[in-house]
Amino acid sequence: GKDFIIIGIALEHDPPLVAAKKVAEFGGGKGIEYINFIGNEALKNAYGKIPAVPTTLIIDKTGKIVEKIVGARDKATFLNSINKILN
C-alpha cells in the first residue's frame, strides 16, 4: 500500500545487447528481481553525474532526489533511507 518502486540502471560500456545480457545474468545470479535498464551518458548527467558505481538515488514521489548514496551499503541502510520518505 506504499508508493514505492525500485529500478536499477546499469552503466555498461559494452554494446547494448551485450550489456543487457550481462546485466540479466548478473541480476539472476544475485536474486535481483527489480527492473534494470542500461543507462547512458545523458542519463548519468541528468542525475548530477554518477561519481561511482554503485550509486543509489532515493527519489520522492515528486521526482526530487532526497538522498544520494555512493558506494555499497547493507540492506538496513537502504531500508532506513526508504522508510524516511515513506513515513
N, C-alpha and C. Protein backbone atom coordinates (compact mmCIF):
# COMPACT_ATOMS: atom_id res chain seq x y z
N GLY A 1 0.79 -1.20 0.00
CA GLY A 1 0.00 0.00 0.00
C GLY A 1 0.84 1.27 0.00
N LYS A 2 2.14 1.16 -0.11
CA LYS A 2 3.03 2.34 -0.12
C LYS A 2 3.37 2.70 -1.56
N ASP A 3 3.67 3.98 -1.77
CA ASP A 3 4.11 4.44 -3.09
C ASP A 3 5.61 4.23 -3.19
N PHE A 4 6.00 3.11 -3.81
CA PHE A 4 7.41 2.76 -3.82
C PHE A 4 7.72 1.87 -5.00
N ILE A 5 8.85 2.12 -5.65
CA ILE A 5 9.31 1.27 -6.74
C ILE A 5 10.84 1.27 -6.74
N ILE A 6 11.42 0.16 -7.12
CA ILE A 6 12.87 0.06 -7.25
C ILE A 6 13.17 -0.22 -8.71
N ILE A 7 14.13 0.51 -9.26
CA ILE A 7 14.66 0.19 -10.59
C ILE A 7 16.17 0.23 -10.50
N GLY A 8 16.82 -0.50 -11.35
CA GLY A 8 18.26 -0.46 -11.45
C GLY A 8 18.66 0.12 -12.79
N ILE A 9 19.78 0.83 -12.79
CA ILE A 9 20.31 1.35 -14.04
C ILE A 9 21.78 0.95 -14.10
N ALA A 10 22.10 0.10 -15.04
CA ALA A 10 23.46 -0.37 -15.20
C ALA A 10 24.21 0.56 -16.15
N LEU A 11 25.41 0.92 -15.76
CA LEU A 11 26.24 1.79 -16.59
C LEU A 11 27.33 0.94 -17.23
N GLU A 12 27.00 0.38 -18.36
CA GLU A 12 27.89 -0.54 -19.06
C GLU A 12 28.55 0.15 -20.25
N HIS A 13 29.71 -0.36 -20.62
CA HIS A 13 30.43 0.19 -21.77
C HIS A 13 30.32 -0.71 -23.00
N ASP A 14 29.71 -1.87 -22.83
CA ASP A 14 29.54 -2.81 -23.93
C ASP A 14 28.42 -2.35 -24.85
N PRO A 15 28.36 -2.90 -26.07
CA PRO A 15 27.21 -2.63 -26.94
C PRO A 15 25.91 -3.02 -26.22
N PRO A 16 24.81 -2.37 -26.55
CA PRO A 16 23.55 -2.58 -25.81
C PRO A 16 23.12 -4.03 -25.61
N LEU A 17 23.17 -4.85 -26.64
CA LEU A 17 22.72 -6.24 -26.49
C LEU A 17 23.64 -7.04 -25.57
N VAL A 18 24.93 -6.81 -25.66
CA VAL A 18 25.90 -7.49 -24.79
C VAL A 18 25.69 -7.02 -23.35
N ALA A 19 25.53 -5.72 -23.18
CA ALA A 19 25.31 -5.15 -21.84
C ALA A 19 24.04 -5.72 -21.22
N ALA A 20 22.96 -5.78 -21.99
CA ALA A 20 21.69 -6.30 -21.48
C ALA A 20 21.84 -7.75 -21.03
N LYS A 21 22.56 -8.54 -21.79
CA LYS A 21 22.78 -9.95 -21.42
C LYS A 21 23.58 -10.04 -20.13
N LYS A 22 24.64 -9.25 -20.01
CA LYS A 22 25.47 -9.27 -18.79
C LYS A 22 24.67 -8.86 -17.56
N VAL A 23 23.88 -7.82 -17.70
CA VAL A 23 23.08 -7.32 -16.58
C VAL A 23 22.04 -8.36 -16.17
N ALA A 24 21.39 -8.99 -17.13
CA ALA A 24 20.39 -10.02 -16.82
C ALA A 24 21.03 -11.21 -16.12
N GLU A 25 22.19 -11.63 -16.60
CA GLU A 25 22.88 -12.76 -15.97
C GLU A 25 23.34 -12.42 -14.56
N PHE A 26 23.86 -11.21 -14.37
CA PHE A 26 24.30 -10.78 -13.05
C PHE A 26 23.11 -10.72 -12.09
N GLY A 27 22.04 -10.08 -12.53
CA GLY A 27 20.85 -9.95 -11.68
C GLY A 27 20.25 -11.29 -11.31
N GLY A 28 20.18 -12.20 -12.27
CA GLY A 28 19.64 -13.52 -12.00
C GLY A 28 20.49 -14.29 -11.00
N GLY A 29 21.80 -14.13 -11.10
CA GLY A 29 22.71 -14.81 -10.18
C GLY A 29 22.69 -14.24 -8.78
N LYS A 30 22.26 -13.00 -8.63
CA LYS A 30 22.23 -12.33 -7.33
C LYS A 30 20.82 -12.26 -6.74
N GLY A 31 19.84 -12.80 -7.45
CA GLY A 31 18.46 -12.76 -6.94
C GLY A 31 17.81 -11.39 -7.08
N ILE A 32 18.32 -10.57 -7.98
CA ILE A 32 17.75 -9.23 -8.19
C ILE A 32 16.47 -9.38 -9.01
N GLU A 33 15.36 -8.95 -8.45
CA GLU A 33 14.07 -9.15 -9.10
C GLU A 33 13.45 -7.86 -9.62
N TYR A 34 14.09 -6.72 -9.41
CA TYR A 34 13.53 -5.48 -9.90
C TYR A 34 14.02 -5.20 -11.32
N ILE A 35 13.37 -4.26 -11.99
CA ILE A 35 13.67 -3.92 -13.37
C ILE A 35 15.03 -3.22 -13.45
N ASN A 36 15.82 -3.60 -14.43
CA ASN A 36 17.11 -2.96 -14.67
C ASN A 36 17.15 -2.41 -16.09
N PHE A 37 17.62 -1.19 -16.21
CA PHE A 37 17.79 -0.54 -17.51
C PHE A 37 19.28 -0.36 -17.77
N ILE A 38 19.63 -0.16 -19.02
CA ILE A 38 21.00 0.18 -19.39
C ILE A 38 21.04 1.70 -19.55
N GLY A 39 21.87 2.35 -18.74
CA GLY A 39 21.97 3.81 -18.78
C GLY A 39 22.96 4.29 -19.82
N ASN A 40 22.96 5.60 -20.05
CA ASN A 40 23.91 6.21 -20.97
C ASN A 40 24.43 7.51 -20.37
N GLU A 41 25.27 8.19 -21.08
CA GLU A 41 25.89 9.43 -20.59
C GLU A 41 24.85 10.49 -20.25
N ALA A 42 23.83 10.64 -21.08
CA ALA A 42 22.78 11.64 -20.82
C ALA A 42 22.06 11.34 -19.51
N LEU A 43 21.78 10.08 -19.25
CA LEU A 43 21.11 9.72 -18.01
C LEU A 43 22.01 10.01 -16.81
N LYS A 44 23.29 9.65 -16.91
CA LYS A 44 24.23 9.92 -15.81
C LYS A 44 24.27 11.41 -15.50
N ASN A 45 24.33 12.22 -16.53
CA ASN A 45 24.41 13.67 -16.35
C ASN A 45 23.11 14.27 -15.81
N ALA A 46 21.99 13.68 -16.16
CA ALA A 46 20.69 14.20 -15.71
C ALA A 46 20.52 14.09 -14.20
N TYR A 47 21.22 13.16 -13.59
CA TYR A 47 21.09 12.95 -12.16
C TYR A 47 22.32 13.41 -11.38
N GLY A 48 22.94 14.47 -11.83
CA GLY A 48 24.02 15.08 -11.07
C GLY A 48 25.33 14.33 -11.17
N LYS A 49 25.59 13.73 -12.30
CA LYS A 49 26.81 12.97 -12.53
C LYS A 49 26.94 11.85 -11.50
N ILE A 50 27.01 10.65 -11.95
CA ILE A 50 27.17 9.49 -11.09
C ILE A 50 28.66 9.34 -10.80
N PRO A 51 29.09 9.56 -9.55
CA PRO A 51 30.52 9.57 -9.25
C PRO A 51 31.16 8.19 -9.15
N ALA A 52 30.36 7.17 -8.86
CA ALA A 52 30.89 5.82 -8.68
C ALA A 52 29.75 4.82 -8.84
N VAL A 53 30.12 3.58 -9.01
CA VAL A 53 29.14 2.51 -9.10
C VAL A 53 29.39 1.57 -7.93
N PRO A 54 28.39 1.26 -7.12
CA PRO A 54 27.01 1.70 -7.26
C PRO A 54 26.75 3.07 -6.64
N THR A 55 25.81 3.78 -7.23
CA THR A 55 25.25 4.99 -6.63
C THR A 55 23.75 4.78 -6.57
N THR A 56 23.18 5.02 -5.40
CA THR A 56 21.75 4.85 -5.20
C THR A 56 21.10 6.21 -5.00
N LEU A 57 20.06 6.47 -5.75
CA LEU A 57 19.30 7.71 -5.59
C LEU A 57 17.95 7.37 -4.98
N ILE A 58 17.64 8.01 -3.87
CA ILE A 58 16.32 7.87 -3.25
C ILE A 58 15.53 9.09 -3.74
N ILE A 59 14.48 8.84 -4.51
CA ILE A 59 13.71 9.90 -5.16
C ILE A 59 12.29 9.86 -4.62
N ASP A 60 11.79 11.01 -4.17
CA ASP A 60 10.42 11.02 -3.64
C ASP A 60 9.40 11.03 -4.78
N LYS A 61 8.13 10.96 -4.43
CA LYS A 61 7.12 10.84 -5.48
C LYS A 61 6.93 12.11 -6.30
N THR A 62 7.56 13.22 -5.90
CA THR A 62 7.52 14.43 -6.71
C THR A 62 8.67 14.47 -7.72
N GLY A 63 9.58 13.48 -7.62
CA GLY A 63 10.73 13.43 -8.53
C GLY A 63 11.98 14.07 -7.97
N LYS A 64 11.92 14.55 -6.73
CA LYS A 64 13.08 15.20 -6.11
C LYS A 64 14.02 14.14 -5.52
N ILE A 65 15.32 14.29 -5.80
CA ILE A 65 16.31 13.42 -5.19
C ILE A 65 16.47 13.85 -3.73
N VAL A 66 16.12 12.97 -2.81
CA VAL A 66 16.20 13.31 -1.39
C VAL A 66 17.45 12.73 -0.72
N GLU A 67 18.08 11.77 -1.37
CA GLU A 67 19.32 11.22 -0.83
C GLU A 67 20.10 10.55 -1.95
N LYS A 68 21.42 10.73 -1.90
CA LYS A 68 22.33 10.06 -2.83
C LYS A 68 23.30 9.24 -1.99
N ILE A 69 23.34 7.94 -2.24
CA ILE A 69 24.23 7.04 -1.52
C ILE A 69 25.27 6.53 -2.50
N VAL A 70 26.52 6.90 -2.29
CA VAL A 70 27.61 6.48 -3.17
C VAL A 70 28.33 5.30 -2.51
N GLY A 71 28.40 4.20 -3.24
CA GLY A 71 29.04 3.00 -2.72
C GLY A 71 28.03 2.00 -2.21
N ALA A 72 28.50 0.81 -1.94
CA ALA A 72 27.62 -0.27 -1.47
C ALA A 72 27.24 -0.02 -0.01
N ARG A 73 26.05 -0.43 0.34
CA ARG A 73 25.54 -0.34 1.71
C ARG A 73 24.80 -1.63 2.03
N ASP A 74 24.54 -1.85 3.30
CA ASP A 74 23.78 -3.03 3.69
C ASP A 74 22.28 -2.75 3.57
N LYS A 75 21.51 -3.82 3.65
CA LYS A 75 20.06 -3.73 3.49
C LYS A 75 19.43 -2.78 4.50
N ALA A 76 19.91 -2.82 5.75
CA ALA A 76 19.34 -1.97 6.80
C ALA A 76 19.48 -0.49 6.46
N THR A 77 20.61 -0.11 5.88
CA THR A 77 20.83 1.29 5.49
C THR A 77 19.82 1.71 4.43
N PHE A 78 19.61 0.86 3.43
CA PHE A 78 18.64 1.18 2.38
C PHE A 78 17.23 1.26 2.95
N LEU A 79 16.87 0.31 3.79
CA LEU A 79 15.52 0.34 4.38
C LEU A 79 15.30 1.60 5.21
N ASN A 80 16.31 2.02 5.96
CA ASN A 80 16.20 3.24 6.74
C ASN A 80 15.95 4.45 5.84
N SER A 81 16.70 4.56 4.76
CA SER A 81 16.54 5.67 3.82
C SER A 81 15.16 5.65 3.16
N ILE A 82 14.73 4.49 2.75
CA ILE A 82 13.42 4.34 2.11
C ILE A 82 12.29 4.69 3.07
N ASN A 83 12.39 4.18 4.29
CA ASN A 83 11.34 4.43 5.28
C ASN A 83 11.22 5.89 5.65
N LYS A 84 12.31 6.65 5.57
CA LYS A 84 12.25 8.10 5.87
C LYS A 84 11.27 8.81 4.94
N ILE A 85 11.29 8.46 3.65
CA ILE A 85 10.41 9.17 2.73
C ILE A 85 9.02 8.56 2.65
N LEU A 86 8.85 7.32 3.09
CA LEU A 86 7.53 6.70 3.06
C LEU A 86 6.69 7.12 4.25
N ASN A 87 7.32 7.54 5.32
CA ASN A 87 6.57 7.92 6.53
C ASN A 87 6.15 9.36 6.51
